[in-house]
Amino acid sequence: MTPSLWQIIVVGLLVVLLFGRGKISAMMGDVAQGIKAFKKGMSEDESEAARAEAKEPARSIEHQPGHAAPSAQNANANKAG
């Protein structure tokens, strides 16, 4: 069952009477400040990660033909032993 228009109006009036207009607007202002702080924190984390990646040079792994990787050599040694 969905609420009718009158039920929504009555609930809205009760909320305004209980909390008052000033308290509701102050609460919404606090919510907005929290969202802004969260977004700022997220952007700071992303910028710190980008700076960390920029400081550290890219690493490459060179493969030499005919040589097995160290982990493959260890696996072969365990099977033989």
N, C-alpha and C. Protein backbone atom coordinates (compact mmCIF):
# COMPACT_ATOMS: atom_id res chain seq x y z
N MET A 1 0.84 -1.17 0.00
CA MET A 1 0.00 0.00 0.00
C MET A 1 0.89 1.24 0.00
N THR A 2 0.65 2.13 -0.93
CA THR A 2 1.45 3.35 -1.02
C THR A 2 0.76 4.46 -0.24
N PRO A 3 1.55 5.34 0.36
CA PRO A 3 0.94 6.44 1.13
C PRO A 3 0.28 7.46 0.20
N SER A 4 -0.83 7.99 0.66
CA SER A 4 -1.54 8.98 -0.15
C SER A 4 -0.91 10.36 0.09
N LEU A 5 -1.36 11.33 -0.67
CA LEU A 5 -0.84 12.68 -0.57
C LEU A 5 -1.11 13.26 0.81
N TRP A 6 -2.28 13.00 1.37
CA TRP A 6 -2.63 13.52 2.70
C TRP A 6 -1.75 12.92 3.79
N GLN A 7 -1.44 11.67 3.66
CA GLN A 7 -0.57 11.03 4.66
C GLN A 7 0.83 11.64 4.63
N ILE A 8 1.33 11.91 3.44
CA ILE A 8 2.66 12.53 3.30
C ILE A 8 2.65 13.93 3.91
N ILE A 9 1.58 14.70 3.67
CA ILE A 9 1.48 16.05 4.22
C ILE A 9 1.44 16.01 5.74
N VAL A 10 0.66 15.08 6.31
CA VAL A 10 0.56 14.97 7.77
C VAL A 10 1.92 14.61 8.38
N VAL A 11 2.62 13.68 7.78
CA VAL A 11 3.94 13.29 8.29
C VAL A 11 4.90 14.46 8.19
N GLY A 12 4.86 15.20 7.09
CA GLY A 12 5.71 16.37 6.93
C GLY A 12 5.45 17.43 8.00
N LEU A 13 4.17 17.68 8.28
CA LEU A 13 3.82 18.65 9.32
C LEU A 13 4.29 18.20 10.70
N LEU A 14 4.14 16.93 10.98
CA LEU A 14 4.61 16.40 12.27
C LEU A 14 6.12 16.56 12.42
N VAL A 15 6.84 16.30 11.36
CA VAL A 15 8.31 16.43 11.41
C VAL A 15 8.69 17.88 11.66
N VAL A 16 8.02 18.81 10.97
CA VAL A 16 8.32 20.24 11.17
C VAL A 16 7.97 20.66 12.59
N LEU A 17 6.84 20.17 13.12
CA LEU A 17 6.45 20.53 14.48
C LEU A 17 7.42 19.97 15.52
N LEU A 18 7.87 18.75 15.31
CA LEU A 18 8.78 18.13 16.27
C LEU A 18 10.17 18.75 16.25
N PHE A 19 10.69 18.94 15.07
CA PHE A 19 12.08 19.39 14.95
C PHE A 19 12.21 20.89 14.72
N GLY A 20 11.20 21.51 14.17
CA GLY A 20 11.28 22.93 13.87
C GLY A 20 12.03 23.17 12.57
N ARG A 21 11.70 24.28 11.92
CA ARG A 21 12.33 24.57 10.62
C ARG A 21 13.81 24.83 10.77
N GLY A 22 14.21 25.52 11.81
CA GLY A 22 15.62 25.85 12.00
C GLY A 22 16.49 24.62 12.21
N LYS A 23 15.96 23.68 12.96
CA LYS A 23 16.74 22.48 13.25
C LYS A 23 16.91 21.62 11.99
N ILE A 24 15.86 21.54 11.18
CA ILE A 24 15.94 20.74 9.95
C ILE A 24 16.95 21.37 8.99
N SER A 25 16.91 22.69 8.82
CA SER A 25 17.85 23.34 7.90
C SER A 25 19.29 23.23 8.43
N ALA A 26 19.46 23.32 9.74
CA ALA A 26 20.80 23.16 10.31
C ALA A 26 21.32 21.74 10.08
N MET A 27 20.41 20.77 10.23
CA MET A 27 20.81 19.38 10.02
C MET A 27 21.19 19.14 8.56
N MET A 28 20.44 19.73 7.64
CA MET A 28 20.78 19.59 6.22
C MET A 28 22.11 20.27 5.91
N GLY A 29 22.38 21.40 6.57
CA GLY A 29 23.68 22.07 6.38
C GLY A 29 24.82 21.19 6.87
N ASP A 30 24.61 20.51 7.98
CA ASP A 30 25.64 19.60 8.50
C ASP A 30 25.87 18.43 7.54
N VAL A 31 24.78 17.93 6.96
CA VAL A 31 24.91 16.83 6.00
C VAL A 31 25.69 17.30 4.78
N ALA A 32 25.40 18.52 4.30
CA ALA A 32 26.11 19.05 3.14
C ALA A 32 27.60 19.23 3.45
N GLN A 33 27.93 19.72 4.64
CA GLN A 33 29.33 19.87 5.02
C GLN A 33 30.04 18.52 5.09
N GLY A 34 29.32 17.51 5.58
CA GLY A 34 29.91 16.17 5.64
C GLY A 34 30.19 15.62 4.26
N ILE A 35 29.28 15.85 3.33
CA ILE A 35 29.49 15.37 1.95
C ILE A 35 30.67 16.08 1.32
N LYS A 36 30.77 17.40 1.53
CA LYS A 36 31.90 18.16 0.97
C LYS A 36 33.22 17.67 1.55
N ALA A 37 33.25 17.42 2.85
CA ALA A 37 34.48 16.93 3.49
C ALA A 37 34.86 15.55 2.96
N PHE A 38 33.86 14.71 2.73
CA PHE A 38 34.13 13.38 2.19
C PHE A 38 34.72 13.47 0.79
N LYS A 39 34.12 14.31 -0.06
CA LYS A 39 34.63 14.47 -1.42
C LYS A 39 36.04 15.03 -1.42
N LYS A 40 36.31 15.99 -0.52
CA LYS A 40 37.65 16.57 -0.43
C LYS A 40 38.66 15.51 0.00
N GLY A 41 38.28 14.69 0.96
CA GLY A 41 39.17 13.62 1.40
C GLY A 41 39.45 12.61 0.31
N MET A 42 38.42 12.28 -0.47
CA MET A 42 38.62 11.33 -1.57
C MET A 42 39.55 11.91 -2.63
N SER A 43 39.40 13.19 -2.95
CA SER A 43 40.27 13.79 -3.97
C SER A 43 41.70 13.91 -3.45
N GLU A 44 41.88 14.14 -2.15
CA GLU A 44 43.23 14.19 -1.59
C GLU A 44 43.89 12.83 -1.65
N ASP A 45 43.13 11.77 -1.39
CA ASP A 45 43.69 10.42 -1.47
C ASP A 45 44.13 10.10 -2.90
N GLU A 46 43.31 10.49 -3.87
CA GLU A 46 43.66 10.22 -5.26
C GLU A 46 44.89 11.01 -5.68
N SER A 47 45.00 12.27 -5.22
CA SER A 47 46.16 13.08 -5.60
C SER A 47 47.43 12.55 -4.93
N GLU A 48 47.32 12.04 -3.69
CA GLU A 48 48.48 11.44 -3.02
C GLU A 48 48.94 10.19 -3.76
N ALA A 49 47.99 9.39 -4.22
CA ALA A 49 48.35 8.18 -4.96
C ALA A 49 49.02 8.54 -6.28
N ALA A 50 48.53 9.57 -6.94
CA ALA A 50 49.13 9.99 -8.21
C ALA A 50 50.55 10.51 -7.98
N ARG A 51 50.76 11.25 -6.88
CA ARG A 51 52.11 11.74 -6.59
C ARG A 51 53.05 10.59 -6.26
N ALA A 52 52.57 9.59 -5.56
CA ALA A 52 53.40 8.44 -5.22
C ALA A 52 53.81 7.68 -6.47
N GLU A 53 52.87 7.55 -7.41
CA GLU A 53 53.19 6.86 -8.66
C GLU A 53 54.18 7.67 -9.48
N ALA A 54 54.08 8.98 -9.45
CA ALA A 54 54.97 9.84 -10.22
C ALA A 54 56.39 9.79 -9.65
N LYS A 55 56.53 9.65 -8.34
CA LYS A 55 57.86 9.61 -7.73
C LYS A 55 58.59 8.31 -8.02
N GLU A 56 57.86 7.21 -8.05
CA GLU A 56 58.47 5.91 -8.23
C GLU A 56 58.58 5.61 -9.73
N PRO A 57 59.80 5.36 -10.23
CA PRO A 57 59.95 5.08 -11.66
C PRO A 57 59.32 3.73 -12.01
N ALA A 58 58.95 3.61 -13.24
CA ALA A 58 58.36 2.36 -13.71
C ALA A 58 59.42 1.27 -13.73
N ARG A 59 59.03 0.09 -13.34
CA ARG A 59 59.96 -1.04 -13.31
C ARG A 59 59.61 -1.99 -14.44
N SER A 60 60.63 -2.61 -14.99
CA SER A 60 60.38 -3.59 -16.04
C SER A 60 61.12 -4.88 -15.71
N ILE A 61 60.59 -5.95 -16.18
CA ILE A 61 61.20 -7.26 -15.98
C ILE A 61 61.70 -7.74 -17.33
N GLU A 62 62.99 -8.03 -17.39
CA GLU A 62 63.56 -8.49 -18.64
C GLU A 62 63.60 -10.02 -18.64
N HIS A 63 63.15 -10.59 -19.72
CA HIS A 63 63.14 -12.04 -19.86
C HIS A 63 64.32 -12.45 -20.73
N GLN A 64 65.07 -13.43 -20.24
CA GLN A 64 66.19 -13.94 -21.00
C GLN A 64 65.79 -15.29 -21.57
N PRO A 65 65.80 -15.43 -22.87
CA PRO A 65 65.40 -16.71 -23.48
C PRO A 65 66.30 -17.85 -22.99
N GLY A 66 65.70 -18.98 -22.74
CA GLY A 66 66.45 -20.15 -22.32
C GLY A 66 66.59 -20.27 -20.82
N HIS A 67 66.21 -19.28 -20.08
CA HIS A 67 66.29 -19.31 -18.64
C HIS A 67 64.89 -19.38 -18.06
N ALA A 68 64.71 -20.29 -17.11
CA ALA A 68 63.41 -20.41 -16.46
C ALA A 68 63.30 -19.37 -15.36
N ALA A 69 62.10 -19.01 -15.07
CA ALA A 69 61.86 -18.05 -13.98
C ALA A 69 62.25 -18.71 -12.67
N PRO A 70 62.67 -17.94 -11.66
CA PRO A 70 63.07 -18.52 -10.38
C PRO A 70 61.99 -19.38 -9.74
N SER A 71 60.75 -18.99 -9.84
CA SER A 71 59.70 -19.79 -9.23
C SER A 71 59.53 -21.13 -9.96
N ALA A 72 59.75 -21.13 -11.25
CA ALA A 72 59.65 -22.38 -12.01
C ALA A 72 60.82 -23.30 -11.65
N GLN A 73 62.00 -22.73 -11.42
CA GLN A 73 63.15 -23.53 -11.03
C GLN A 73 62.90 -24.18 -9.67
N ASN A 74 62.33 -23.44 -8.73
CA ASN A 74 62.04 -23.99 -7.41
C ASN A 74 61.01 -25.10 -7.50
N ALA A 75 60.02 -24.95 -8.34
CA ALA A 75 58.99 -25.97 -8.50
C ALA A 75 59.60 -27.24 -9.10
N ASN A 76 60.48 -27.09 -10.06
CA ASN A 76 61.12 -28.25 -10.67
C ASN A 76 62.04 -28.95 -9.67
N ALA A 77 62.73 -28.17 -8.83
CA ALA A 77 63.62 -28.76 -7.83
C ALA A 77 62.81 -29.52 -6.78
N ASN A 78 61.65 -29.03 -6.42
CA ASN A 78 60.80 -29.72 -5.43
C ASN A 78 60.27 -31.03 -5.99
N LYS A 79 59.97 -31.08 -7.29
CA LYS A 79 59.45 -32.30 -7.88
C LYS A 79 60.55 -33.37 -7.97
N ALA A 80 61.76 -32.92 -8.26
CA ALA A 80 62.85 -33.87 -8.43
C ALA A 80 63.34 -34.40 -7.08
N GLY A 81 63.25 -33.59 -6.04
CA GLY A 81 63.83 -33.93 -4.76
C GLY A 81 62.92 -34.66 -3.89
